C-alpha atoms as a PDB file:
ATOM      1  CA  MET A   1     -17.797  16.699  40.535  1.00  0.00           C
ATOM      2  CA  ARG A   2     -18.448  19.648  41.940  1.00  0.00           C
ATOM      3  CA  THR A   3     -21.349  19.987  44.527  1.00  0.00           C
ATOM      4  CA  ASP A   4     -23.227  22.947  42.165  1.00  0.00           C
ATOM      5  CA  ASP A   5     -22.891  20.504  39.452  1.00  0.00           C
ATOM      6  CA  PHE A   6     -25.218  17.463  41.739  1.00  0.00           C
ATOM      7  CA  TRP A   7     -27.756  20.203  42.859  1.00  0.00           C
ATOM      8  CA  THR A   8     -27.982  21.653  39.001  1.00  0.00           C
ATOM      9  CA  VAL A   9     -29.350  18.429  37.491  1.00  0.00           C
ATOM     10  CA  ILE A  10     -31.971  18.484  40.490  1.00  0.00           C
ATOM     11  CA  ASP A  11     -33.050  22.010  40.037  1.00  0.00           C
ATOM     12  CA  ARG A  12     -33.095  21.268  36.397  1.00  0.00           C
ATOM     13  CA  ALA A  13     -35.436  18.769  37.511  1.00  0.00           C
ATOM     14  CA  THR A  14     -37.431  20.846  39.661  1.00  0.00           C
ATOM     15  CA  ALA A  15     -37.377  24.445  37.572  1.00  0.00           C
ATOM     16  CA  ASP A  16     -40.480  25.224  35.998  1.00  0.00           C
ATOM     17  CA  ARG A  17     -42.362  21.955  37.035  1.00  0.00           C
ATOM     18  CA  PRO A  18     -42.210  20.902  40.238  1.00  0.00           C
ATOM     19  CA  GLY A  19     -44.049  17.721  40.525  1.00  0.00           C
ATOM     20  CA  SER A  20     -43.707  14.793  42.729  1.00  0.00           C
ATOM     21  CA  PRO A  21     -40.081  13.394  44.168  1.00  0.00           C
ATOM     22  CA  GLU A  22     -40.860  10.209  41.464  1.00  0.00           C
ATOM     23  CA  GLU A  23     -41.242  13.127  38.492  1.00  0.00           C
ATOM     24  CA  VAL A  24     -38.005  14.968  39.818  1.00  0.00           C
ATOM     25  CA  ALA A  25     -36.510  11.720  39.276  1.00  0.00           C
ATOM     26  CA  LYS A  26     -37.511  10.953  36.262  1.00  0.00           C
ATOM     27  CA  ARG A  27     -36.850  13.949  34.926  1.00  0.00           C
ATOM     28  CA  ALA A  28     -33.075  13.854  36.919  1.00  0.00           C
ATOM     29  CA  ILE A  29     -32.615  10.548  35.256  1.00  0.00           C
ATOM     30  CA  ALA A  30     -33.317  11.831  31.322  1.00  0.00           C
ATOM     31  CA  ASP A  31     -30.963  14.688  31.485  1.00  0.00           C
ATOM     32  CA  LEU A  32     -28.209  12.473  33.040  1.00  0.00           C
ATOM     33  CA  ALA A  33     -28.799   9.453  30.311  1.00  0.00           C
ATOM     34  CA  THR A  34     -27.814  12.221  28.128  1.00  0.00           C
ATOM     35  CA  ARG A  35     -24.300  12.800  29.596  1.00  0.00           C
ATOM     36  CA  ASP A  36     -20.916  10.816  29.388  1.00  0.00           C
ATOM     37  CA  PRO A  37     -20.797   7.583  31.498  1.00  0.00           C
ATOM     38  CA  ASP A  38     -17.934   8.893  33.691  1.00  0.00           C
ATOM     39  CA  GLU A  39     -19.976  11.752  34.463  1.00  0.00           C
ATOM     40  CA  ILE A  40     -22.961   9.824  35.880  1.00  0.00           C
ATOM     41  CA  VAL A  41     -20.785   7.624  38.056  1.00  0.00           C
ATOM     42  CA  ALA A  42     -19.409  11.193  39.357  1.00  0.00           C
ATOM     43  CA  TRP A  43     -22.877  12.198  40.080  1.00  0.00           C
ATOM     44  CA  GLY A  44     -24.010   8.536  41.927  1.00  0.00           C
ATOM     45  CA  ARG A  45     -21.060   9.275  43.864  1.00  0.00           C
ATOM     46  CA  HIS A  46     -21.907  12.844  45.306  1.00  0.00           C
ATOM     47  CA  LEU A  47     -25.206  11.379  45.753  1.00  0.00           C
ATOM     48  CA  ASP A  48     -23.287   8.811  48.026  1.00  0.00           C
ATOM     49  CA  LYS A  49     -21.264  11.697  50.019  1.00  0.00           C
ATOM     50  CA  VAL A  50     -24.625  14.374  50.457  1.00  0.00           C
ATOM     51  CA  MET A  51     -26.195  10.684  52.066  1.00  0.00           C
ATOM     52  CA  ALA A  52     -23.506  10.410  54.382  1.00  0.00           C
ATOM     53  CA  ALA A  53     -23.368  14.063  55.132  1.00  0.00           C
ATOM     54  CA  SER A  54     -26.869  14.423  55.864  1.00  0.00           C
ATOM     55  CA  GLY A  55     -27.527  10.741  58.277  1.00  0.00           C
ATOM     56  CA  LYS A  56     -27.600  12.677  61.686  1.00  0.00           C
ATOM     57  CA  GLU A  57     -29.686  10.905  64.210  1.00  0.00           C
ATOM     58  CA  ASP A  58     -31.763  14.102  65.124  1.00  0.00           C
ATOM     59  CA  LEU A  59     -32.676  14.130  61.366  1.00  0.00           C
ATOM     60  CA  TRP A  60     -33.637  10.546  61.779  1.00  0.00           C
ATOM     61  CA  ALA A  61     -35.836  11.319  64.970  1.00  0.00           C
ATOM     62  CA  ALA A  62     -37.455  14.084  62.548  1.00  0.00           C
ATOM     63  CA  ALA A  63     -38.289  11.349  59.663  1.00  0.00           C
ATOM     64  CA  TYR A  64     -40.042   9.215  62.833  1.00  0.00           C
ATOM     65  CA  LEU A  65     -41.625  11.577  63.866  1.00  0.00           C
ATOM     66  CA  ILE A  66     -43.588  12.723  60.412  1.00  0.00           C
ATOM     67  CA  ASN A  67     -43.435   9.829  59.260  1.00  0.00           C
ATOM     68  CA  GLY A  68     -45.085   7.976  62.240  1.00  0.00           C
ATOM     69  CA  GLY A  69     -42.233   5.255  62.551  1.00  0.00           C
ATOM     70  CA  CYS A  70     -39.085   5.016  60.037  1.00  0.00           C
ATOM     71  CA  SER A  71     -36.737   2.120  59.697  1.00  0.00           C
ATOM     72  CA  ASP A  72     -33.225   2.420  57.795  1.00  0.00           C
ATOM     73  CA  ASP A  73     -34.137   2.235  54.329  1.00  0.00           C
ATOM     74  CA  GLY A  74     -37.230   4.304  55.601  1.00  0.00           C
ATOM     75  CA  PHE A  75     -34.449   6.731  56.840  1.00  0.00           C
ATOM     76  CA  ASP A  76     -32.752   7.142  53.467  1.00  0.00           C
ATOM     77  CA  ASN A  77     -36.295   7.148  51.334  1.00  0.00           C
ATOM     78  CA  PHE A  78     -36.603  10.266  53.625  1.00  0.00           C
ATOM     79  CA  ARG A  79     -33.539  11.668  52.750  1.00  0.00           C
ATOM     80  CA  GLY A  80     -34.505  11.529  49.117  1.00  0.00           C
ATOM     81  CA  TRP A  81     -37.561  12.977  49.631  1.00  0.00           C
ATOM     82  CA  LEU A  82     -35.826  15.877  50.851  1.00  0.00           C
ATOM     83  CA  ILE A  83     -33.245  16.089  48.422  1.00  0.00           C
ATOM     84  CA  ALA A  84     -36.189  15.937  45.947  1.00  0.00           C
ATOM     85  CA  ASN A  85     -37.007  19.425  47.618  1.00  0.00           C
ATOM     86  CA  GLY A  86     -34.075  20.939  46.313  1.00  0.00           C
ATOM     87  CA  ARG A  87     -30.988  21.572  48.341  1.00  0.00           C
ATOM     88  CA  GLU A  88     -31.985  25.274  50.502  1.00  0.00           C
ATOM     89  CA  VAL A  89     -34.753  22.345  52.517  1.00  0.00           C
ATOM     90  CA  LEU A  90     -32.240  19.380  52.700  1.00  0.00           C
ATOM     91  CA  ALA A  91     -29.415  21.892  54.347  1.00  0.00           C
ATOM     92  CA  ARG A  92     -31.964  23.606  56.546  1.00  0.00           C
ATOM     93  CA  ALA A  93     -32.777  19.817  57.555  1.00  0.00           C
ATOM     94  CA  VAL A  94     -29.966  18.394  58.476  1.00  0.00           C
ATOM     95  CA  ARG A  95     -28.471  22.034  60.311  1.00  0.00           C
ATOM     96  CA  GLU A  96     -31.871  22.411  61.942  1.00  0.00           C
ATOM     97  CA  PRO A  97     -33.928  19.097  61.212  1.00  0.00           C
ATOM     98  CA  ASP A  98     -37.008  21.093  63.492  1.00  0.00           C
ATOM     99  CA  SER A  99     -37.098  23.720  61.240  1.00  0.00           C
ATOM    100  CA  LEU A 100     -39.015  20.464  58.789  1.00  0.00           C
ATOM    101  CA  ALA A 101     -42.221  22.260  60.593  1.00  0.00           C
ATOM    102  CA  ASP A 102     -41.945  24.938  58.640  1.00  0.00           C
ATOM    103  CA  LEU A 103     -42.544  23.015  55.489  1.00  0.00           C
ATOM    104  CA  PRO A 104     -46.104  23.075  54.507  1.00  0.00           C
ATOM    105  CA  SER A 105     -46.628  19.513  53.228  1.00  0.00           C
ATOM    106  CA  VAL A 106     -45.062  18.572  56.307  1.00  0.00           C
ATOM    107  CA  ARG A 107     -47.931  21.019  58.417  1.00  0.00           C
ATOM    108  CA  ALA A 108     -50.418  19.572  56.742  1.00  0.00           C
ATOM    109  CA  ALA A 109     -48.873  15.576  56.907  1.00  0.00           C
ATOM    110  CA  ALA A 110     -49.871  16.079  60.357  1.00  0.00           C
ATOM    111  CA  SER A 111     -53.142  15.970  60.025  1.00  0.00           C
ATOM    112  CA  THR A 112     -53.225  13.622  56.954  1.00  0.00           C
ATOM    113  CA  GLY A 113     -50.746  11.283  57.535  1.00  0.00           C
ATOM    114  CA  ALA A 114     -48.414  11.837  54.886  1.00  0.00           C
ATOM    115  CA  VAL A 115     -45.673   9.696  54.416  1.00  0.00           C
ATOM    116  CA  PHE A 116     -42.937  10.991  52.613  1.00  0.00           C
ATOM    117  CA  GLU A 117     -40.704   8.882  51.230  1.00  0.00           C
ATOM    118  CA  ALA A 118     -39.091   8.622  47.368  1.00  0.00           C
ATOM    119  CA  GLU A 119     -36.407   5.826  47.091  1.00  0.00           C
ATOM    120  CA  GLU A 120     -36.549   6.439  43.277  1.00  0.00           C
ATOM    121  CA  VAL A 121     -34.201   9.588  44.151  1.00  0.00           C
ATOM    122  CA  LEU A 122     -31.998   7.399  44.940  1.00  0.00           C
ATOM    123  CA  THR A 123     -31.542   5.187  42.616  1.00  0.00           C
ATOM    124  CA  ILE A 124     -30.898   8.554  40.000  1.00  0.00           C
ATOM    125  CA  ALA A 125     -27.381   7.282  38.905  1.00  0.00           C
ATOM    126  CA  GLU A 126     -28.351   3.602  38.462  1.00  0.00           C
ATOM    127  CA  GLU A 127     -31.173   4.276  36.464  1.00  0.00           C
ATOM    128  CA  ALA A 128     -29.471   7.045  34.070  1.00  0.00           C
ATOM    129  CA  HIS A 129     -26.599   4.334  33.661  1.00  0.00           C
ATOM    130  CA  GLN A 130     -28.051   2.024  33.045  1.00  0.00           C
ATOM    131  CA  GLN A 131     -29.776   3.712  30.191  1.00  0.00           C
ATOM    132  CA  ALA A 132     -26.784   5.372  29.440  1.00  0.00           C
ATOM    133  CA  THR A 133     -25.143   2.521  28.804  1.00  0.00           C
ATOM    134  CA  GLY A 134     -27.194  -0.905  29.177  1.00  0.00           C
ATOM    135  CA  ALA A 135     -25.257  -1.862  32.259  1.00  0.00           C
ATOM    136  CA  GLY A 136     -24.907  -1.074  36.146  1.00  0.00           C
ATOM    137  CA  LEU A 137     -23.222   1.338  37.767  1.00  0.00           C
ATOM    138  CA  PRO A 138     -19.257   0.657  38.873  1.00  0.00           C
ATOM    139  CA  ALA A 139     -19.156  -1.046  42.152  1.00  0.00           C
ATOM    140  CA  LYS A 140     -17.725   0.739  44.913  1.00  0.00           C
ATOM    141  CA  GLU A 141     -17.382   0.757  48.318  1.00  0.00           C
ATOM    142  CA  THR A 142     -19.882   3.078  50.546  1.00  0.00           C
ATOM    143  CA  ALA A 143     -19.489   4.160  53.458  1.00  0.00           C
ATOM    144  CA  PRO A 144     -22.479   4.343  56.176  1.00  0.00           C
ATOM    145  CA  THR A 145     -24.763   7.075  55.174  1.00  0.00           C
ATOM    146  CA  ARG A 146     -26.773   7.011  58.809  1.00  0.00           C
ATOM    147  CA  PRO A 147     -26.194   5.943  62.346  1.00  0.00           C
ATOM    148  CA  ASP A 148     -26.073   2.474  63.658  1.00  0.00           C
ATOM    149  CA  ALA A 149     -29.853   2.151  64.833  1.00  0.00           C
ATOM    150  CA  ALA A 150     -28.848   0.480  67.580  1.00  0.00           C
ATOM    151  CA  MET A 151     -27.226   3.465  68.650  1.00  0.00           C
ATOM    152  CA  LEU A 152     -29.706   5.593  68.515  1.00  0.00           C
ATOM    153  CA  TRP A 153     -31.782   7.940  71.730  1.00  0.00           C
ATOM    154  CA  ASP A 154     -34.758   6.313  71.998  1.00  0.00           C
ATOM    155  CA  PHE A 155     -37.340   7.625  69.685  1.00  0.00           C
ATOM    156  CA  ASP A 156     -40.196   6.743  71.114  1.00  0.00           C
ATOM    157  CA  ASN A 157     -39.129   9.110  74.477  1.00  0.00           C
ATOM    158  CA  GLU A 158     -41.635  11.862  74.171  1.00  0.00           C
ATOM    159  CA  ASP A 159     -40.252  13.731  76.826  1.00  0.00           C
ATOM    160  CA  GLU A 160     -36.744  13.721  74.905  1.00  0.00           C
ATOM    161  CA  MET A 161     -38.331  13.968  71.436  1.00  0.00           C
ATOM    162  CA  GLN A 162     -40.363  17.735  72.881  1.00  0.00           C
ATOM    163  CA  ARG A 163     -36.923  18.125  73.494  1.00  0.00           C
ATOM    164  CA  ARG A 164     -34.809  17.976  70.869  1.00  0.00           C
ATOM    165  CA  LEU A 165     -37.467  18.463  68.106  1.00  0.00           C
ATOM    166  CA  PRO A 166     -39.846  21.252  69.988  1.00  0.00           C
ATOM    167  CA  ARG A 167     -41.886  22.193  66.676  1.00  0.00           C
ATOM    168  CA  LEU A 168     -42.572  19.056  65.543  1.00  0.00           C
ATOM    169  CA  SER A 169     -43.062  17.614  68.138  1.00  0.00           C
ATOM    170  CA  GLU A 170     -46.081  19.924  69.019  1.00  0.00           C
ATOM    171  CA  LEU A 171     -47.582  19.083  65.280  1.00  0.00           C
ATOM    172  CA  PHE A 172     -46.940  15.289  65.513  1.00  0.00           C
ATOM    173  CA  LEU A 173     -47.315  14.118  69.071  1.00  0.00           C
ATOM    174  CA  GLU A 174     -50.664  14.031  71.473  1.00  0.00           C
ATOM    175  CA  PRO A 175     -50.644  16.333  73.799  1.00  0.00           C
ATOM    176  CA  PRO A 176     -50.117  15.388  77.582  1.00  0.00           C
ATOM    177  CA  ASP A 177     -53.086  14.953  79.186  1.00  0.00           C
END
């Protein structure tokens, strides 16, 4: 499956009907479930590639800052939320995690405490395959999609956070005395 084909499914799920990541996932599942099972499997494998490509340490730090903490699974689910926001948002966040400070929803979260996670986006292919065939996706070997948590820089180090993610730090960290 080509990258454009992968994102077309997400684009169709958000076009003219933006909504929550849950709604995006439901629409994407409905779209994929009408397709050939091999195409659904290919879409799921491409999702794995997107997850691997977005498994960047500073993006995890951004998720940690924005969500007030971020476990391994939380980072996966944060990237699901990014995927539901579309190709451009994800690509920019991977290139420059601090750019997330430009998103109105992230800026609002600084005062509301909203948490951005979308596990349902990560199960689109599984759900679509189940609907289309009555069976789960075929087993696959998956490479890690995130850095080893033990090897990350200390996300609680506010000086380092401010150095790496100054705009997000300004939104989410308490100002020094």
